Amino acid sequence: MRNFLYNIVPKLEPFDYLLHHDKQFINQEWVLINGIEDTHAMYVFKPNNELVISENDKVTTTRWSFINSNFISITTADGIVLIKAFYKDNDMLVLNQKSSEEYSFFINSTEYLDVINSKEDVQKFLKQKYLKKASKIISEHEFFYIQRSKEYGPYTMKELFNKVKDRAVNAYCLVRDVNESDYTSKLRIKDLLQEL
């Protein structure tokens, strides 16, 4: 899993105070996934600059503050540490200590119903997240379909679903992505509906 995590580092989005602070940073339950097999740690950045860290049911409160656009400082037992903050989508926070190649990876578990206590739990979280994301992309994407040797479209998956439901279109009709030129992929409306 370490390789997977470090592979996303080049794709990270820098922390933007206006974009991320209120909705994606403050009062969120950030589960540390580095070393999750050994320690369950959750970080909650409070609006009053308190950082509450729960580690294996032991709770520690320390201080944090913004330095500039994407740097924060955290008070630790060793003193004040400067941290650069990044995001991957809206539910993965990545912290990198200044002048270090080490990263701490966090998952926002605030709205996630299951407990994240192991590598398998992290994998389940990521699988659900990306299946949901793929489903959303498919449902918003547009496709052409061919029925009785005539092409129709483009239609979103929601529109195709409604056409199938209303029996205006057969679920076995071939579809093509708006970016494809032909139907060689042999994809049917039914195949797309199974992915939603």
N, C-alpha and C. Protein backbone atom coordinates (compact mmCIF):
# COMPACT_ATOMS: atom_id res chain seq x y z
N MET A 1 0.83 -1.19 0.00
CA MET A 1 0.00 0.00 0.00
C MET A 1 0.87 1.25 0.00
N ARG A 2 2.05 1.15 0.57
CA ARG A 2 2.95 2.31 0.61
C ARG A 2 3.24 2.84 -0.79
N ASN A 3 3.49 1.91 -1.75
CA ASN A 3 3.77 2.32 -3.12
C ASN A 3 2.57 3.05 -3.72
N PHE A 4 1.36 2.52 -3.48
CA PHE A 4 0.15 3.18 -3.98
C PHE A 4 0.06 4.60 -3.44
N LEU A 5 0.29 4.76 -2.14
CA LEU A 5 0.17 6.07 -1.52
C LEU A 5 1.20 7.05 -2.10
N TYR A 6 2.43 6.60 -2.20
CA TYR A 6 3.46 7.50 -2.71
C TYR A 6 3.30 7.79 -4.20
N ASN A 7 2.59 6.93 -4.92
CA ASN A 7 2.32 7.18 -6.34
C ASN A 7 1.35 8.34 -6.54
N ILE A 8 0.52 8.65 -5.53
CA ILE A 8 -0.42 9.75 -5.70
C ILE A 8 0.20 11.11 -5.37
N VAL A 9 1.40 11.12 -4.76
CA VAL A 9 2.02 12.39 -4.35
C VAL A 9 2.12 13.40 -5.49
N PRO A 10 2.55 13.02 -6.70
CA PRO A 10 2.63 14.03 -7.77
C PRO A 10 1.26 14.58 -8.19
N LYS A 11 0.19 13.88 -7.84
CA LYS A 11 -1.16 14.30 -8.26
C LYS A 11 -1.88 15.09 -7.18
N LEU A 12 -1.19 15.46 -6.12
CA LEU A 12 -1.84 16.14 -5.01
C LEU A 12 -2.13 17.60 -5.33
N GLU A 13 -3.19 18.10 -4.74
CA GLU A 13 -3.60 19.49 -4.89
C GLU A 13 -3.18 20.24 -3.63
N PRO A 14 -2.46 21.35 -3.75
CA PRO A 14 -2.05 22.09 -2.56
C PRO A 14 -3.25 22.61 -1.77
N PHE A 15 -3.11 22.64 -0.48
CA PHE A 15 -4.16 23.14 0.40
C PHE A 15 -4.45 24.60 0.04
N ASP A 16 -5.71 24.92 -0.12
CA ASP A 16 -6.15 26.27 -0.41
C ASP A 16 -7.10 26.68 0.70
N TYR A 17 -6.72 27.67 1.48
CA TYR A 17 -7.48 28.06 2.65
C TYR A 17 -8.94 28.34 2.31
N LEU A 18 -9.19 29.14 1.30
CA LEU A 18 -10.57 29.50 0.95
C LEU A 18 -11.38 28.30 0.49
N LEU A 19 -10.75 27.39 -0.22
CA LEU A 19 -11.44 26.24 -0.77
C LEU A 19 -11.62 25.11 0.24
N HIS A 20 -10.60 24.85 1.05
CA HIS A 20 -10.59 23.66 1.89
C HIS A 20 -10.89 23.87 3.37
N HIS A 21 -10.54 25.01 3.93
CA HIS A 21 -10.56 25.20 5.39
C HIS A 21 -11.88 24.83 6.05
N ASP A 22 -12.96 25.50 5.67
CA ASP A 22 -14.23 25.33 6.38
C ASP A 22 -14.89 23.98 6.12
N LYS A 23 -14.91 23.54 4.87
CA LYS A 23 -15.69 22.35 4.52
C LYS A 23 -14.89 21.05 4.55
N GLN A 24 -13.58 21.11 4.37
CA GLN A 24 -12.82 19.88 4.23
C GLN A 24 -11.67 19.74 5.23
N PHE A 25 -11.56 20.64 6.18
CA PHE A 25 -10.42 20.56 7.10
C PHE A 25 -10.87 20.61 8.55
N ILE A 26 -11.56 21.66 8.92
CA ILE A 26 -11.97 21.89 10.30
C ILE A 26 -13.04 20.89 10.73
N ASN A 27 -12.86 20.35 11.94
CA ASN A 27 -13.82 19.43 12.58
C ASN A 27 -14.07 18.15 11.78
N GLN A 28 -13.12 17.76 10.96
CA GLN A 28 -13.22 16.49 10.23
C GLN A 28 -12.40 15.44 10.97
N GLU A 29 -12.84 14.20 10.90
CA GLU A 29 -12.15 13.09 11.58
C GLU A 29 -11.17 12.47 10.59
N TRP A 30 -9.89 12.86 10.72
CA TRP A 30 -8.85 12.40 9.81
C TRP A 30 -8.14 11.19 10.41
N VAL A 31 -8.32 10.03 9.78
CA VAL A 31 -7.69 8.79 10.24
C VAL A 31 -6.33 8.66 9.55
N LEU A 32 -5.28 8.53 10.35
CA LEU A 32 -3.93 8.34 9.82
C LEU A 32 -3.81 6.92 9.30
N ILE A 33 -3.44 6.76 8.03
CA ILE A 33 -3.35 5.42 7.47
C ILE A 33 -1.92 4.89 7.40
N ASN A 34 -0.93 5.74 7.63
CA ASN A 34 0.43 5.24 7.76
C ASN A 34 0.49 4.41 9.05
N GLY A 35 0.92 3.19 8.98
CA GLY A 35 1.07 2.36 10.18
C GLY A 35 -0.24 2.00 10.86
N ILE A 36 -1.33 1.97 10.10
CA ILE A 36 -2.64 1.71 10.69
C ILE A 36 -2.74 0.32 11.32
N GLU A 37 -1.93 -0.61 10.85
CA GLU A 37 -1.94 -1.96 11.43
C GLU A 37 -1.46 -1.96 12.88
N ASP A 38 -0.60 -1.00 13.23
CA ASP A 38 -0.05 -0.95 14.58
C ASP A 38 -0.78 0.03 15.49
N THR A 39 -1.22 1.15 14.92
CA THR A 39 -1.81 2.22 15.71
C THR A 39 -3.02 2.80 15.00
N HIS A 40 -4.09 2.98 15.74
CA HIS A 40 -5.25 3.69 15.18
C HIS A 40 -5.19 5.12 15.70
N ALA A 41 -4.93 6.06 14.79
CA ALA A 41 -4.81 7.47 15.18
C ALA A 41 -5.78 8.31 14.36
N MET A 42 -6.48 9.20 15.07
CA MET A 42 -7.41 10.11 14.41
C MET A 42 -7.08 11.53 14.84
N TYR A 43 -7.01 12.43 13.85
CA TYR A 43 -6.69 13.84 14.08
C TYR A 43 -7.94 14.68 13.78
N VAL A 44 -8.26 15.60 14.67
CA VAL A 44 -9.35 16.54 14.45
C VAL A 44 -8.81 17.95 14.68
N PHE A 45 -8.78 18.76 13.61
CA PHE A 45 -8.32 20.15 13.69
C PHE A 45 -9.52 21.01 14.07
N LYS A 46 -9.49 21.59 15.26
CA LYS A 46 -10.60 22.39 15.77
C LYS A 46 -10.45 23.85 15.34
N PRO A 47 -11.56 24.59 15.24
CA PRO A 47 -11.47 25.99 14.80
C PRO A 47 -10.74 26.90 15.78
N ASN A 48 -10.63 26.50 17.03
CA ASN A 48 -9.93 27.30 18.03
C ASN A 48 -8.44 26.99 18.07
N ASN A 49 -7.93 26.38 17.01
CA ASN A 49 -6.52 26.01 16.85
C ASN A 49 -6.07 24.88 17.78
N GLU A 50 -7.02 24.10 18.27
CA GLU A 50 -6.67 22.90 19.00
C GLU A 50 -6.60 21.74 18.01
N LEU A 51 -5.65 20.87 18.22
CA LEU A 51 -5.56 19.64 17.45
C LEU A 51 -5.77 18.49 18.44
N VAL A 52 -6.84 17.75 18.25
CA VAL A 52 -7.15 16.63 19.13
C VAL A 52 -6.72 15.35 18.42
N ILE A 53 -5.80 14.62 19.05
CA ILE A 53 -5.28 13.38 18.48
C ILE A 53 -5.69 12.22 19.38
N SER A 54 -6.46 11.29 18.79
CA SER A 54 -6.85 10.07 19.50
C SER A 54 -5.98 8.96 18.96
N GLU A 55 -5.19 8.36 19.82
CA GLU A 55 -4.28 7.30 19.40
C GLU A 55 -4.48 6.09 20.30
N ASN A 56 -5.07 5.02 19.73
CA ASN A 56 -5.40 3.83 20.51
C ASN A 56 -6.14 4.19 21.79
N ASP A 57 -7.17 4.99 21.67
CA ASP A 57 -8.05 5.43 22.76
C ASP A 57 -7.38 6.38 23.76
N LYS A 58 -6.16 6.80 23.52
CA LYS A 58 -5.51 7.82 24.34
C LYS A 58 -5.65 9.16 23.60
N VAL A 59 -6.20 10.17 24.28
CA VAL A 59 -6.48 11.46 23.63
C VAL A 59 -5.45 12.49 24.09
N THR A 60 -4.87 13.17 23.10
CA THR A 60 -3.90 14.24 23.35
C THR A 60 -4.41 15.50 22.66
N THR A 61 -4.28 16.63 23.33
CA THR A 61 -4.65 17.90 22.72
C THR A 61 -3.40 18.75 22.60
N THR A 62 -3.21 19.29 21.39
CA THR A 62 -2.06 20.16 21.14
C THR A 62 -2.55 21.36 20.35
N ARG A 63 -1.64 22.13 19.80
CA ARG A 63 -2.00 23.35 19.07
C ARG A 63 -1.57 23.24 17.61
N TRP A 64 -2.29 23.95 16.76
CA TRP A 64 -1.93 24.08 15.35
C TRP A 64 -2.30 25.48 14.91
N SER A 65 -1.70 25.96 13.82
CA SER A 65 -2.07 27.26 13.26
C SER A 65 -1.62 27.34 11.81
N PHE A 66 -2.27 28.23 11.06
CA PHE A 66 -1.88 28.46 9.67
C PHE A 66 -0.70 29.42 9.64
N ILE A 67 0.27 29.11 8.78
CA ILE A 67 1.41 30.00 8.56
C ILE A 67 1.13 30.84 7.31
N ASN A 68 0.80 30.16 6.21
CA ASN A 68 0.40 30.83 4.97
C ASN A 68 -0.49 29.89 4.17
N SER A 69 -0.63 30.11 2.89
CA SER A 69 -1.63 29.42 2.08
C SER A 69 -1.71 27.91 2.32
N ASN A 70 -0.60 27.20 2.32
CA ASN A 70 -0.72 25.76 2.55
C ASN A 70 0.28 25.21 3.57
N PHE A 71 0.83 26.07 4.41
CA PHE A 71 1.67 25.61 5.50
C PHE A 71 0.95 25.79 6.83
N ILE A 72 1.03 24.77 7.67
CA ILE A 72 0.52 24.89 9.02
C ILE A 72 1.65 24.53 9.98
N SER A 73 1.51 24.98 11.20
CA SER A 73 2.46 24.56 12.23
C SER A 73 1.71 23.73 13.25
N ILE A 74 2.38 22.70 13.74
CA ILE A 74 1.81 21.84 14.77
C ILE A 74 2.81 21.78 15.91
N THR A 75 2.31 21.98 17.12
CA THR A 75 3.16 21.89 18.30
C THR A 75 3.23 20.43 18.72
N THR A 76 4.45 19.91 18.79
CA THR A 76 4.66 18.52 19.21
C THR A 76 5.54 18.52 20.45
N ALA A 77 5.81 17.34 20.96
CA ALA A 77 6.69 17.21 22.14
C ALA A 77 8.09 17.73 21.82
N ASP A 78 8.48 17.71 20.55
CA ASP A 78 9.81 18.16 20.13
C ASP A 78 9.84 19.64 19.76
N GLY A 79 8.70 20.32 19.84
CA GLY A 79 8.64 21.73 19.47
C GLY A 79 7.66 21.95 18.34
N ILE A 80 7.79 23.08 17.66
CA ILE A 80 6.88 23.42 16.56
C ILE A 80 7.42 22.85 15.26
N VAL A 81 6.54 22.18 14.53
CA VAL A 81 6.90 21.55 13.27
C VAL A 81 6.11 22.22 12.15
N LEU A 82 6.80 22.59 11.06
CA LEU A 82 6.12 23.16 9.89
C LEU A 82 5.70 22.03 8.96
N ILE A 83 4.45 22.09 8.55
CA ILE A 83 3.85 21.04 7.74
C ILE A 83 3.22 21.66 6.50
N LYS A 84 3.44 21.03 5.37
CA LYS A 84 2.77 21.44 4.14
C LYS A 84 1.58 20.51 3.94
N ALA A 85 0.42 21.09 3.65
CA ALA A 85 -0.81 20.30 3.52
C ALA A 85 -1.23 20.20 2.06
N PHE A 86 -1.73 19.01 1.70
CA PHE A 86 -2.20 18.73 0.34
C PHE A 86 -3.51 17.95 0.43
N TYR A 87 -4.24 17.92 -0.67
CA TYR A 87 -5.44 17.11 -0.78
C TYR A 87 -5.38 16.22 -2.00
N LYS A 88 -6.01 15.06 -1.90
CA LYS A 88 -6.31 14.21 -3.05
C LYS A 88 -7.81 14.05 -3.01
N ASP A 89 -8.50 14.61 -3.97
CA ASP A 89 -9.95 14.72 -3.96
C ASP A 89 -10.34 15.51 -2.71
N ASN A 90 -11.48 15.21 -2.12
CA ASN A 90 -11.86 15.99 -0.95
C ASN A 90 -11.81 15.19 0.34
N ASP A 91 -11.38 13.93 0.26
CA ASP A 91 -11.39 13.12 1.47
C ASP A 91 -10.07 12.44 1.78
N MET A 92 -9.00 12.91 1.16
CA MET A 92 -7.68 12.42 1.53
C MET A 92 -6.78 13.63 1.76
N LEU A 93 -6.27 13.73 2.99
CA LEU A 93 -5.37 14.81 3.39
C LEU A 93 -3.97 14.23 3.48
N VAL A 94 -3.00 14.95 2.96
CA VAL A 94 -1.62 14.51 3.01
C VAL A 94 -0.80 15.62 3.63
N LEU A 95 -0.06 15.27 4.69
CA LEU A 95 0.79 16.25 5.37
C LEU A 95 2.25 15.85 5.16
N ASN A 96 3.06 16.86 4.88
CA ASN A 96 4.49 16.63 4.62
C ASN A 96 5.29 17.61 5.46
N GLN A 97 6.13 17.07 6.35
CA GLN A 97 6.97 17.94 7.17
C GLN A 97 7.96 18.65 6.27
N LYS A 98 8.11 19.96 6.49
CA LYS A 98 9.00 20.78 5.65
C LYS A 98 10.39 20.16 5.60
N SER A 99 10.97 20.14 4.41
CA SER A 99 12.32 19.60 4.15
C SER A 99 12.42 18.11 4.44
N SER A 100 11.33 17.39 4.22
CA SER A 100 11.32 15.95 4.45
C SER A 100 10.67 15.26 3.26
N GLU A 101 11.05 14.02 3.03
CA GLU A 101 10.44 13.21 1.98
C GLU A 101 9.36 12.29 2.55
N GLU A 102 9.11 12.39 3.85
CA GLU A 102 8.09 11.55 4.49
C GLU A 102 6.73 12.24 4.46
N TYR A 103 5.70 11.48 4.17
CA TYR A 103 4.35 12.00 4.09
C TYR A 103 3.46 11.23 5.07
N SER A 104 2.48 11.94 5.62
CA SER A 104 1.46 11.31 6.44
C SER A 104 0.16 11.38 5.65
N PHE A 105 -0.48 10.23 5.47
CA PHE A 105 -1.69 10.12 4.67
C PHE A 105 -2.89 9.92 5.59
N PHE A 106 -3.94 10.71 5.37
CA PHE A 106 -5.14 10.65 6.19
C PHE A 106 -6.37 10.47 5.31
N ILE A 107 -7.35 9.76 5.84
CA ILE A 107 -8.64 9.60 5.18
C ILE A 107 -9.68 10.28 6.06
N ASN A 108 -10.57 11.05 5.43
CA ASN A 108 -11.64 11.70 6.15
C ASN A 108 -12.74 10.67 6.42
N SER A 109 -12.87 10.27 7.68
CA SER A 109 -13.84 9.25 8.04
C SER A 109 -15.11 9.84 8.64
N THR A 110 -15.26 11.16 8.59
CA THR A 110 -16.38 11.83 9.23
C THR A 110 -17.73 11.27 8.79
N GLU A 111 -17.92 11.09 7.49
CA GLU A 111 -19.20 10.62 6.98
C GLU A 111 -19.17 9.15 6.56
N TYR A 112 -18.08 8.48 6.86
CA TYR A 112 -17.93 7.07 6.51
C TYR A 112 -18.49 6.23 7.66
N LEU A 113 -19.39 5.32 7.36
CA LEU A 113 -20.09 4.58 8.41
C LEU A 113 -19.26 3.48 9.05
N ASP A 114 -18.34 2.88 8.30
CA ASP A 114 -17.52 1.79 8.84
C ASP A 114 -16.29 2.34 9.55
N VAL A 115 -15.73 1.54 10.44
CA VAL A 115 -14.51 1.91 11.15
C VAL A 115 -13.31 1.57 10.28
N ILE A 116 -12.32 2.45 10.27
CA ILE A 116 -11.09 2.21 9.51
C ILE A 116 -9.99 1.89 10.51
N ASN A 117 -9.69 0.58 10.63
CA ASN A 117 -8.71 0.11 11.61
C ASN A 117 -7.58 -0.72 11.01
N SER A 118 -7.66 -1.00 9.71
CA SER A 118 -6.67 -1.90 9.12
C SER A 118 -6.43 -1.52 7.66
N LYS A 119 -5.42 -2.15 7.09
CA LYS A 119 -5.11 -1.94 5.68
C LYS A 119 -6.30 -2.38 4.81
N GLU A 120 -6.96 -3.46 5.20
CA GLU A 120 -8.13 -3.94 4.47
C GLU A 120 -9.26 -2.92 4.52
N ASP A 121 -9.44 -2.27 5.68
CA ASP A 121 -10.47 -1.23 5.80
C ASP A 121 -10.16 -0.05 4.89
N VAL A 122 -8.88 0.31 4.78
CA VAL A 122 -8.47 1.41 3.90
C VAL A 122 -8.76 1.03 2.45
N GLN A 123 -8.42 -0.20 2.08
CA GLN A 123 -8.67 -0.66 0.72
C GLN A 123 -10.17 -0.66 0.41
N LYS A 124 -10.98 -1.08 1.38
CA LYS A 124 -12.44 -1.08 1.20
C LYS A 124 -12.95 0.35 1.01
N PHE A 125 -12.44 1.28 1.83
CA PHE A 125 -12.82 2.69 1.72
C PHE A 125 -12.50 3.22 0.32
N LEU A 126 -11.26 2.98 -0.13
CA LEU A 126 -10.83 3.49 -1.44
C LEU A 126 -11.62 2.85 -2.57
N LYS A 127 -11.91 1.56 -2.45
CA LYS A 127 -12.69 0.88 -3.48
C LYS A 127 -14.08 1.48 -3.57
N GLN A 128 -14.74 1.68 -2.43
CA GLN A 128 -16.08 2.27 -2.43
C GLN A 128 -16.05 3.69 -2.99
N LYS A 129 -15.03 4.43 -2.59
CA LYS A 129 -14.90 5.83 -3.04
C LYS A 129 -14.78 5.90 -4.56
N TYR A 130 -13.90 5.08 -5.13
CA TYR A 130 -13.67 5.15 -6.57
C TYR A 130 -14.77 4.49 -7.38
N LEU A 131 -15.45 3.48 -6.83
CA LEU A 131 -16.62 2.93 -7.51
C LEU A 131 -17.73 3.97 -7.57
N LYS A 132 -17.90 4.70 -6.47
CA LYS A 132 -18.92 5.77 -6.42
C LYS A 132 -18.56 6.86 -7.42
N LYS A 133 -17.27 7.22 -7.47
CA LYS A 133 -16.82 8.25 -8.40
C LYS A 133 -17.01 7.79 -9.84
N ALA A 134 -16.67 6.53 -10.14
CA ALA A 134 -16.83 5.99 -11.49
C ALA A 134 -18.31 5.95 -11.86
N SER A 135 -19.14 5.56 -10.91
CA SER A 135 -20.58 5.51 -11.16
C SER A 135 -21.11 6.90 -11.49
N LYS A 136 -20.64 7.91 -10.77
CA LYS A 136 -21.08 9.28 -11.02
C LYS A 136 -20.63 9.74 -12.41
N ILE A 137 -19.39 9.41 -12.77
CA ILE A 137 -18.87 9.79 -14.09
C ILE A 137 -19.69 9.13 -15.19
N ILE A 138 -19.99 7.83 -15.01
CA ILE A 138 -20.78 7.11 -16.01
C ILE A 138 -22.17 7.72 -16.12
N SER A 139 -22.80 8.02 -14.97
CA SER A 139 -24.17 8.52 -15.01
C SER A 139 -24.26 9.90 -15.66
N GLU A 140 -23.20 10.70 -15.59
CA GLU A 140 -23.21 12.04 -16.17
C GLU A 140 -22.67 12.07 -17.60
N HIS A 141 -22.00 11.00 -17.99
CA HIS A 141 -21.38 10.95 -19.31
C HIS A 141 -22.45 10.71 -20.38
N GLU A 142 -22.11 11.04 -21.62
CA GLU A 142 -23.07 10.89 -22.70
C GLU A 142 -22.65 9.77 -23.65
N PHE A 143 -23.70 9.11 -24.20
CA PHE A 143 -23.50 7.98 -25.10
C PHE A 143 -24.49 8.07 -26.25
N PHE A 144 -24.07 7.52 -27.39
CA PHE A 144 -24.97 7.30 -28.51
C PHE A 144 -25.43 5.84 -28.43
N TYR A 145 -26.59 5.53 -28.95
CA TYR A 145 -27.00 4.14 -29.06
C TYR A 145 -27.54 3.89 -30.46
N ILE A 146 -27.50 2.63 -30.82
CA ILE A 146 -27.99 2.24 -32.15
C ILE A 146 -29.14 1.26 -31.96
N GLN A 147 -30.23 1.56 -32.64
CA GLN A 147 -31.42 0.70 -32.56
C GLN A 147 -32.05 0.65 -33.95
N ARG A 148 -32.31 -0.56 -34.41
CA ARG A 148 -32.88 -0.78 -35.76
C ARG A 148 -32.06 -0.04 -36.82
N SER A 149 -30.74 -0.20 -36.75
CA SER A 149 -29.79 0.36 -37.71
C SER A 149 -29.77 1.88 -37.77
N LYS A 150 -30.30 2.54 -36.75
CA LYS A 150 -30.28 3.99 -36.71
C LYS A 150 -29.64 4.44 -35.40
N GLU A 151 -28.81 5.49 -35.50
CA GLU A 151 -28.11 5.99 -34.31
C GLU A 151 -28.89 7.14 -33.67
N TYR A 152 -28.92 7.14 -32.33
CA TYR A 152 -29.60 8.19 -31.57
C TYR A 152 -28.65 8.73 -30.50
N GLY A 153 -28.87 9.98 -30.13
CA GLY A 153 -28.08 10.53 -29.02
C GLY A 153 -27.38 11.80 -29.40
N PRO A 154 -26.55 12.28 -28.53
CA PRO A 154 -26.09 11.62 -27.29
C PRO A 154 -27.07 11.81 -26.13
N TYR A 155 -27.06 10.81 -25.22
CA TYR A 155 -27.88 10.81 -24.03
C TYR A 155 -27.03 10.48 -22.81
N THR A 156 -27.41 11.04 -21.68
CA THR A 156 -26.73 10.66 -20.43
C THR A 156 -27.25 9.29 -20.03
N MET A 157 -26.57 8.65 -19.08
CA MET A 157 -27.01 7.34 -18.61
C MET A 157 -28.38 7.44 -17.95
N LYS A 158 -28.63 8.54 -17.27
CA LYS A 158 -29.94 8.72 -16.63
C LYS A 158 -31.04 8.74 -17.69
N GLU A 159 -30.78 9.44 -18.78
CA GLU A 159 -31.76 9.49 -19.86
C GLU A 159 -31.94 8.11 -20.51
N LEU A 160 -30.82 7.39 -20.70
CA LEU A 160 -30.92 6.04 -21.26
C LEU A 160 -31.67 5.11 -20.32
N PHE A 161 -31.40 5.23 -19.03
CA PHE A 161 -32.09 4.41 -18.04
C PHE A 161 -33.60 4.63 -18.13
N ASN A 162 -34.00 5.91 -18.21
CA ASN A 162 -35.43 6.23 -18.30
C ASN A 162 -36.05 5.69 -19.60
N LYS A 163 -35.29 5.74 -20.70
CA LYS A 163 -35.79 5.21 -21.96
C LYS A 163 -35.99 3.69 -21.88
N VAL A 164 -35.05 3.01 -21.23
CA VAL A 164 -35.18 1.56 -21.05
C VAL A 164 -36.36 1.26 -20.15
N LYS A 165 -36.48 2.01 -19.06
CA LYS A 165 -37.59 1.82 -18.11
C LYS A 165 -38.95 2.04 -18.79
N ASP A 166 -39.02 3.03 -19.68
CA ASP A 166 -40.26 3.33 -20.40
C ASP A 166 -40.45 2.43 -21.62
N ARG A 167 -39.52 1.51 -21.84
CA ARG A 167 -39.55 0.56 -22.96
C ARG A 167 -39.46 1.23 -24.33
N ALA A 168 -38.88 2.43 -24.34
CA ALA A 168 -38.66 3.13 -25.61
C ALA A 168 -37.38 2.64 -26.28
N VAL A 169 -36.50 2.05 -25.48
CA VAL A 169 -35.22 1.54 -25.98
C VAL A 169 -34.97 0.17 -25.35
N ASN A 170 -34.42 -0.73 -26.14
CA ASN A 170 -34.06 -2.05 -25.67
C ASN A 170 -32.74 -1.97 -24.90
N ALA A 171 -32.66 -2.59 -23.75
CA ALA A 171 -31.44 -2.57 -22.93
C ALA A 171 -30.27 -3.25 -23.61
N TYR A 172 -30.54 -4.05 -24.64
CA TYR A 172 -29.47 -4.76 -25.35
C TYR A 172 -28.91 -3.97 -26.54
N CYS A 173 -29.40 -2.73 -26.74
CA CYS A 173 -28.86 -1.89 -27.82
C CYS A 173 -27.40 -1.57 -27.55
N LEU A 174 -26.62 -1.54 -28.61
CA LEU A 174 -25.22 -1.17 -28.49
C LEU A 174 -25.09 0.33 -28.23
N VAL A 175 -24.10 0.69 -27.42
CA VAL A 175 -23.82 2.10 -27.16
C VAL A 175 -22.36 2.38 -27.46
N ARG A 176 -22.10 3.65 -27.73
CA ARG A 176 -20.72 4.09 -27.88
C ARG A 176 -20.56 5.40 -27.14
N ASP A 177 -19.43 5.57 -26.55
CA ASP A 177 -19.06 6.80 -25.87
C ASP A 177 -19.02 7.93 -26.90
N VAL A 178 -19.33 9.14 -26.48
CA VAL A 178 -19.30 10.27 -27.42
C VAL A 178 -17.90 10.47 -28.01
N ASN A 179 -16.89 9.96 -27.35
CA ASN A 179 -15.51 10.11 -27.83
C ASN A 179 -15.07 8.96 -28.74
N GLU A 180 -15.93 7.96 -28.91
CA GLU A 180 -15.60 6.84 -29.79
C GLU A 180 -16.27 7.04 -31.15
N SER A 181 -15.66 6.46 -32.17
CA SER A 181 -16.20 6.65 -33.53
C SER A 181 -17.10 5.51 -33.99
N ASP A 182 -17.03 4.35 -33.30
CA ASP A 182 -17.84 3.21 -33.73
C ASP A 182 -18.23 2.35 -32.53
N TYR A 183 -18.85 1.21 -32.83
CA TYR A 183 -19.40 0.34 -31.79
C TYR A 183 -18.57 -0.94 -31.60
N THR A 184 -17.30 -0.89 -31.94
CA THR A 184 -16.46 -2.09 -31.86
C THR A 184 -16.27 -2.60 -30.44
N SER A 185 -16.52 -1.77 -29.44
CA SER A 185 -16.36 -2.23 -28.05
C SER A 185 -17.48 -3.18 -27.64
N LYS A 186 -18.56 -3.23 -28.44
CA LYS A 186 -19.71 -4.12 -28.19
C LYS A 186 -20.35 -3.88 -26.83
N LEU A 187 -20.31 -2.66 -26.36
CA LEU A 187 -20.91 -2.29 -25.08
C LEU A 187 -22.40 -2.07 -25.27
N ARG A 188 -23.20 -2.60 -24.35
CA ARG A 188 -24.65 -2.46 -24.42
C ARG A 188 -25.14 -1.54 -23.30
N ILE A 189 -26.33 -0.99 -23.47
CA ILE A 189 -26.92 -0.16 -22.42
C ILE A 189 -26.98 -0.96 -21.12
N LYS A 190 -27.34 -2.21 -21.22
CA LYS A 190 -27.44 -3.10 -20.06
C LYS A 190 -26.11 -3.15 -19.30
N ASP A 191 -24.99 -3.20 -20.03
CA ASP A 191 -23.67 -3.27 -19.38
C ASP A 191 -23.40 -2.01 -18.57
N LEU A 192 -23.78 -0.85 -19.12
CA LEU A 192 -23.58 0.41 -18.40
C LEU A 192 -24.46 0.48 -17.16
N LEU A 193 -25.71 0.02 -17.30
CA LEU A 193 -26.64 0.08 -16.18
C LEU A 193 -26.15 -0.76 -15.00
N GLN A 194 -25.44 -1.84 -15.28
CA GLN A 194 -24.90 -2.69 -14.20
C GLN A 194 -23.82 -1.97 -13.40
N GLU A 195 -23.17 -0.98 -14.01
CA GLU A 195 -22.11 -0.25 -13.32
C GLU A 195 -22.64 0.87 -12.43
N LEU A 196 -23.91 1.20 -12.57
CA LEU A 196 -24.48 2.29 -11.76
C LEU A 196 -24.94 1.79 -10.41
